[in-house]
Amino acid sequence: SLTEIRGLRALDLAMLVPLEELRALTVSACPSLRAMALTRPSGEGGARCKIQQLDFSQNPLLASLPLQALAEMPSVRELACAGCPNLWSPPQEVAAQGGKECIDFAR
């Protein structure tokens, strides 16, 4: 869990993908966080990754997520982004269904 890290402006999730025991990841309440990336090619770890839950909530400046890379991670079942007003969002009818449906929409 990475929470309330004031100086964090960007985060590359690639360093966390090889952690095969990691099932849930929370990156929240980081007031300076603007972007997240996943630079590792999908064929190089995405399928091995076991992360099921991602929570990026309460990051008010967060403007981008690596949706394509996250969609290529078959284990991801839940994505939470509440309190991130600068993020692009899927159509309202998809967003209303919850995080799993948003991941499926991105796929």
N, C-alpha and C. Protein backbone atom coordinates (compact mmCIF):
# COMPACT_ATOMS: atom_id res chain seq x y z
N SER A 1 0.83 -1.17 0.00
CA SER A 1 0.00 0.00 0.00
C SER A 1 0.89 1.26 0.00
N LEU A 2 0.64 2.15 -0.91
CA LEU A 2 1.34 3.43 -0.96
C LEU A 2 0.29 4.51 -0.72
N THR A 3 0.34 5.15 0.43
CA THR A 3 -0.66 6.16 0.75
C THR A 3 -0.01 7.42 1.30
N GLU A 4 -0.62 8.53 0.97
CA GLU A 4 -0.24 9.85 1.47
C GLU A 4 1.23 10.18 1.24
N ILE A 5 1.74 9.86 0.06
CA ILE A 5 3.12 10.20 -0.29
C ILE A 5 3.05 11.54 -1.03
N ARG A 6 3.38 12.59 -0.35
CA ARG A 6 3.19 13.95 -0.87
C ARG A 6 4.05 14.30 -2.08
N GLY A 7 5.27 13.80 -2.16
CA GLY A 7 6.15 14.16 -3.27
C GLY A 7 6.02 13.27 -4.50
N LEU A 8 5.18 12.26 -4.45
CA LEU A 8 5.03 11.33 -5.57
C LEU A 8 4.24 11.98 -6.69
N ARG A 9 4.89 12.17 -7.86
CA ARG A 9 4.23 12.80 -9.00
C ARG A 9 3.88 11.81 -10.10
N ALA A 10 4.68 10.74 -10.22
CA ALA A 10 4.44 9.71 -11.23
C ALA A 10 4.90 8.37 -10.65
N LEU A 11 4.29 7.31 -11.13
CA LEU A 11 4.62 5.98 -10.64
C LEU A 11 4.58 5.00 -11.80
N ASP A 12 5.65 4.22 -11.95
CA ASP A 12 5.68 3.17 -12.95
C ASP A 12 5.39 1.85 -12.23
N LEU A 13 4.29 1.24 -12.57
CA LEU A 13 3.86 0.01 -11.92
C LEU A 13 4.70 -1.20 -12.32
N ALA A 14 5.60 -1.02 -13.30
CA ALA A 14 6.42 -2.14 -13.78
C ALA A 14 7.24 -2.79 -12.67
N MET A 15 7.66 -2.00 -11.70
CA MET A 15 8.48 -2.58 -10.63
C MET A 15 7.66 -3.50 -9.73
N LEU A 16 6.34 -3.41 -9.78
CA LEU A 16 5.49 -4.23 -8.92
C LEU A 16 4.99 -5.49 -9.61
N VAL A 17 4.96 -5.50 -10.93
CA VAL A 17 4.43 -6.64 -11.68
C VAL A 17 5.15 -7.94 -11.35
N PRO A 18 6.48 -7.96 -11.20
CA PRO A 18 7.16 -9.23 -10.90
C PRO A 18 6.86 -9.80 -9.51
N LEU A 19 6.23 -9.04 -8.65
CA LEU A 19 5.91 -9.53 -7.31
C LEU A 19 4.73 -10.50 -7.40
N GLU A 20 5.03 -11.76 -7.65
CA GLU A 20 4.00 -12.75 -7.95
C GLU A 20 3.04 -13.01 -6.79
N GLU A 21 3.42 -12.69 -5.58
CA GLU A 21 2.54 -12.91 -4.42
C GLU A 21 1.59 -11.73 -4.19
N LEU A 22 1.81 -10.62 -4.86
CA LEU A 22 0.99 -9.43 -4.68
C LEU A 22 -0.39 -9.64 -5.29
N ARG A 23 -1.44 -9.54 -4.47
CA ARG A 23 -2.82 -9.75 -4.93
C ARG A 23 -3.62 -8.46 -4.99
N ALA A 24 -3.24 -7.49 -4.16
CA ALA A 24 -3.96 -6.22 -4.11
C ALA A 24 -2.94 -5.09 -3.99
N LEU A 25 -3.23 -3.99 -4.66
CA LEU A 25 -2.36 -2.83 -4.62
C LEU A 25 -3.19 -1.58 -4.43
N THR A 26 -2.83 -0.78 -3.42
CA THR A 26 -3.49 0.49 -3.17
C THR A 26 -2.46 1.61 -3.30
N VAL A 27 -2.79 2.58 -4.12
CA VAL A 27 -1.99 3.80 -4.26
C VAL A 27 -3.00 4.93 -4.09
N SER A 28 -3.09 5.48 -2.89
CA SER A 28 -4.16 6.44 -2.63
C SER A 28 -3.70 7.65 -1.83
N ALA A 29 -4.48 8.70 -1.94
CA ALA A 29 -4.27 9.93 -1.18
C ALA A 29 -2.87 10.51 -1.37
N CYS A 30 -2.36 10.44 -2.59
CA CYS A 30 -1.08 11.04 -2.93
C CYS A 30 -1.39 12.35 -3.66
N PRO A 31 -1.35 13.48 -2.98
CA PRO A 31 -1.89 14.73 -3.53
C PRO A 31 -1.16 15.28 -4.75
N SER A 32 0.05 14.83 -5.04
CA SER A 32 0.79 15.33 -6.20
C SER A 32 0.81 14.35 -7.36
N LEU A 33 0.28 13.14 -7.17
CA LEU A 33 0.34 12.11 -8.20
C LEU A 33 -0.49 12.50 -9.41
N ARG A 34 0.18 12.55 -10.59
CA ARG A 34 -0.48 12.95 -11.83
C ARG A 34 -0.62 11.82 -12.83
N ALA A 35 0.32 10.86 -12.83
CA ALA A 35 0.28 9.82 -13.85
C ALA A 35 0.85 8.50 -13.34
N MET A 36 0.33 7.43 -13.90
CA MET A 36 0.86 6.10 -13.65
C MET A 36 1.16 5.48 -15.00
N ALA A 37 2.20 4.67 -15.03
CA ALA A 37 2.60 3.99 -16.26
C ALA A 37 2.86 2.53 -15.95
N LEU A 38 2.93 1.75 -17.00
CA LEU A 38 3.33 0.36 -16.90
C LEU A 38 4.18 0.10 -18.15
N THR A 39 5.50 0.33 -18.00
CA THR A 39 6.38 0.31 -19.16
C THR A 39 6.81 -1.08 -19.59
N ARG A 40 6.63 -2.07 -18.74
CA ARG A 40 7.02 -3.44 -19.08
C ARG A 40 6.10 -3.94 -20.19
N PRO A 41 6.65 -4.50 -21.27
CA PRO A 41 5.81 -5.07 -22.32
C PRO A 41 4.88 -6.13 -21.76
N SER A 42 3.68 -6.21 -22.27
CA SER A 42 2.67 -7.12 -21.72
C SER A 42 3.12 -8.58 -21.74
N GLY A 43 3.87 -9.00 -22.73
CA GLY A 43 4.32 -10.37 -22.81
C GLY A 43 5.39 -10.70 -21.79
N GLU A 44 5.89 -9.68 -21.10
CA GLU A 44 7.00 -9.86 -20.17
C GLU A 44 6.52 -9.65 -18.74
N GLY A 45 5.58 -10.47 -18.31
CA GLY A 45 5.17 -10.40 -16.92
C GLY A 45 3.70 -10.16 -16.70
N GLY A 46 2.99 -9.55 -17.64
CA GLY A 46 1.58 -9.27 -17.46
C GLY A 46 0.76 -10.51 -17.18
N ALA A 47 1.04 -11.58 -17.91
CA ALA A 47 0.29 -12.82 -17.71
C ALA A 47 0.66 -13.50 -16.39
N ARG A 48 1.90 -13.32 -15.92
CA ARG A 48 2.35 -13.91 -14.65
C ARG A 48 1.80 -13.17 -13.45
N CYS A 49 1.49 -11.92 -13.61
CA CYS A 49 1.05 -11.08 -12.52
C CYS A 49 -0.23 -11.64 -11.90
N LYS A 50 -0.30 -11.61 -10.58
CA LYS A 50 -1.46 -12.15 -9.87
C LYS A 50 -2.32 -11.06 -9.21
N ILE A 51 -2.00 -9.81 -9.49
CA ILE A 51 -2.77 -8.71 -8.88
C ILE A 51 -4.23 -8.81 -9.32
N GLN A 52 -5.13 -8.81 -8.34
CA GLN A 52 -6.56 -8.91 -8.62
C GLN A 52 -7.28 -7.60 -8.34
N GLN A 53 -6.79 -6.84 -7.37
CA GLN A 53 -7.47 -5.61 -6.97
C GLN A 53 -6.50 -4.43 -7.03
N LEU A 54 -6.94 -3.37 -7.70
CA LEU A 54 -6.17 -2.14 -7.78
C LEU A 54 -7.03 -1.01 -7.26
N ASP A 55 -6.47 -0.23 -6.35
CA ASP A 55 -7.21 0.90 -5.78
C ASP A 55 -6.35 2.15 -5.94
N PHE A 56 -6.76 3.03 -6.83
CA PHE A 56 -6.05 4.28 -7.07
C PHE A 56 -6.88 5.47 -6.58
N SER A 57 -7.72 5.27 -5.60
CA SER A 57 -8.66 6.29 -5.12
C SER A 57 -7.99 7.46 -4.41
N GLN A 58 -8.70 8.58 -4.43
CA GLN A 58 -8.34 9.79 -3.70
C GLN A 58 -7.01 10.40 -4.14
N ASN A 59 -6.75 10.38 -5.43
CA ASN A 59 -5.59 11.05 -6.01
C ASN A 59 -6.14 12.17 -6.90
N PRO A 60 -6.35 13.35 -6.35
CA PRO A 60 -7.09 14.40 -7.05
C PRO A 60 -6.44 14.91 -8.34
N LEU A 61 -5.13 14.78 -8.51
CA LEU A 61 -4.48 15.26 -9.72
C LEU A 61 -4.22 14.15 -10.74
N LEU A 62 -4.50 12.91 -10.38
CA LEU A 62 -4.24 11.79 -11.28
C LEU A 62 -5.04 11.95 -12.57
N ALA A 63 -4.31 12.02 -13.69
CA ALA A 63 -4.96 12.27 -14.98
C ALA A 63 -4.85 11.11 -15.94
N SER A 64 -3.99 10.12 -15.65
CA SER A 64 -3.88 9.01 -16.59
C SER A 64 -3.49 7.72 -15.89
N LEU A 65 -4.02 6.64 -16.42
CA LEU A 65 -3.70 5.28 -15.99
C LEU A 65 -3.31 4.50 -17.24
N PRO A 66 -2.46 3.50 -17.09
CA PRO A 66 -2.09 2.68 -18.25
C PRO A 66 -3.18 1.65 -18.56
N LEU A 67 -4.34 2.12 -19.04
CA LEU A 67 -5.49 1.24 -19.21
C LEU A 67 -5.21 0.06 -20.12
N GLN A 68 -4.52 0.27 -21.23
CA GLN A 68 -4.27 -0.84 -22.14
C GLN A 68 -3.43 -1.91 -21.45
N ALA A 69 -2.38 -1.49 -20.76
CA ALA A 69 -1.52 -2.44 -20.05
C ALA A 69 -2.29 -3.14 -18.93
N LEU A 70 -3.12 -2.42 -18.21
CA LEU A 70 -3.91 -3.03 -17.14
C LEU A 70 -4.92 -4.03 -17.73
N ALA A 71 -5.48 -3.70 -18.88
CA ALA A 71 -6.45 -4.59 -19.51
C ALA A 71 -5.80 -5.89 -19.97
N GLU A 72 -4.49 -5.85 -20.23
CA GLU A 72 -3.77 -7.05 -20.66
C GLU A 72 -3.33 -7.93 -19.49
N MET A 73 -3.64 -7.53 -18.29
CA MET A 73 -3.32 -8.32 -17.10
C MET A 73 -4.57 -9.14 -16.74
N PRO A 74 -4.61 -10.41 -17.11
CA PRO A 74 -5.84 -11.20 -16.95
C PRO A 74 -6.30 -11.37 -15.51
N SER A 75 -5.42 -11.20 -14.54
CA SER A 75 -5.81 -11.42 -13.15
C SER A 75 -6.60 -10.24 -12.57
N VAL A 76 -6.50 -9.05 -13.14
CA VAL A 76 -7.17 -7.87 -12.58
C VAL A 76 -8.68 -8.03 -12.70
N ARG A 77 -9.34 -7.95 -11.53
CA ARG A 77 -10.79 -8.10 -11.46
C ARG A 77 -11.49 -6.84 -10.96
N GLU A 78 -10.73 -6.00 -10.25
CA GLU A 78 -11.36 -4.84 -9.62
C GLU A 78 -10.44 -3.63 -9.74
N LEU A 79 -11.02 -2.51 -10.11
CA LEU A 79 -10.28 -1.26 -10.24
C LEU A 79 -11.11 -0.16 -9.58
N ALA A 80 -10.54 0.49 -8.57
CA ALA A 80 -11.23 1.58 -7.87
C ALA A 80 -10.50 2.89 -8.14
N CYS A 81 -11.27 3.90 -8.52
CA CYS A 81 -10.68 5.21 -8.84
C CYS A 81 -11.52 6.36 -8.28
N ALA A 82 -12.25 6.13 -7.21
CA ALA A 82 -13.09 7.17 -6.62
C ALA A 82 -12.21 8.33 -6.16
N GLY A 83 -12.69 9.54 -6.34
CA GLY A 83 -11.96 10.71 -5.88
C GLY A 83 -10.80 11.11 -6.78
N CYS A 84 -10.88 10.73 -8.05
CA CYS A 84 -9.87 11.09 -9.05
C CYS A 84 -10.58 11.86 -10.17
N PRO A 85 -10.94 13.12 -9.93
CA PRO A 85 -11.77 13.86 -10.88
C PRO A 85 -11.12 14.15 -12.23
N ASN A 86 -9.82 14.03 -12.35
CA ASN A 86 -9.16 14.34 -13.62
C ASN A 86 -8.99 13.13 -14.53
N LEU A 87 -9.39 11.96 -14.08
CA LEU A 87 -9.27 10.76 -14.91
C LEU A 87 -10.36 10.72 -15.96
N TRP A 88 -9.99 10.22 -17.16
CA TRP A 88 -10.99 9.92 -18.17
C TRP A 88 -11.85 8.81 -17.62
N SER A 89 -13.10 8.81 -17.94
CA SER A 89 -13.95 7.74 -17.44
C SER A 89 -14.70 7.10 -18.60
N PRO A 90 -15.06 5.83 -18.44
CA PRO A 90 -15.85 5.14 -19.47
C PRO A 90 -17.26 5.73 -19.48
N PRO A 91 -18.07 5.31 -20.43
CA PRO A 91 -19.46 5.80 -20.45
C PRO A 91 -20.16 5.58 -19.10
N GLN A 92 -21.04 6.49 -18.74
CA GLN A 92 -21.71 6.46 -17.44
C GLN A 92 -22.36 5.12 -17.15
N GLU A 93 -22.99 4.52 -18.15
CA GLU A 93 -23.67 3.24 -17.92
C GLU A 93 -22.68 2.12 -17.59
N VAL A 94 -21.45 2.21 -18.09
CA VAL A 94 -20.43 1.22 -17.75
C VAL A 94 -19.87 1.53 -16.36
N ALA A 95 -19.57 2.79 -16.10
CA ALA A 95 -19.02 3.19 -14.80
C ALA A 95 -19.96 2.83 -13.65
N ALA A 96 -21.26 2.95 -13.89
CA ALA A 96 -22.24 2.66 -12.84
C ALA A 96 -22.24 1.18 -12.45
N GLN A 97 -21.71 0.33 -13.31
CA GLN A 97 -21.70 -1.11 -13.03
C GLN A 97 -20.55 -1.54 -12.13
N GLY A 98 -19.51 -0.70 -12.02
CA GLY A 98 -18.41 -1.02 -11.12
C GLY A 98 -17.09 -1.26 -11.82
N GLY A 99 -16.06 -1.54 -10.99
CA GLY A 99 -14.69 -1.66 -11.46
C GLY A 99 -14.45 -2.80 -12.43
N LYS A 100 -15.02 -3.98 -12.18
CA LYS A 100 -14.82 -5.12 -13.08
C LYS A 100 -15.34 -4.81 -14.47
N GLU A 101 -16.49 -4.20 -14.54
CA GLU A 101 -17.07 -3.87 -15.83
C GLU A 101 -16.24 -2.81 -16.56
N CYS A 102 -15.64 -1.89 -15.81
CA CYS A 102 -14.75 -0.88 -16.42
C CYS A 102 -13.51 -1.53 -17.00
N ILE A 103 -12.95 -2.51 -16.29
CA ILE A 103 -11.78 -3.25 -16.82
C ILE A 103 -12.21 -3.99 -18.08
N ASP A 104 -13.35 -4.66 -18.04
CA ASP A 104 -13.83 -5.38 -19.22
C ASP A 104 -14.04 -4.43 -20.40
N PHE A 105 -14.57 -3.25 -20.13
CA PHE A 105 -14.78 -2.24 -21.18
C PHE A 105 -13.43 -1.82 -21.79
N ALA A 106 -12.41 -1.64 -20.95
CA ALA A 106 -11.09 -1.25 -21.45
C ALA A 106 -10.46 -2.37 -22.29
N ARG A 107 -10.77 -3.60 -21.94
CA ARG A 107 -10.22 -4.74 -22.70
C ARG A 107 -10.83 -4.76 -24.07
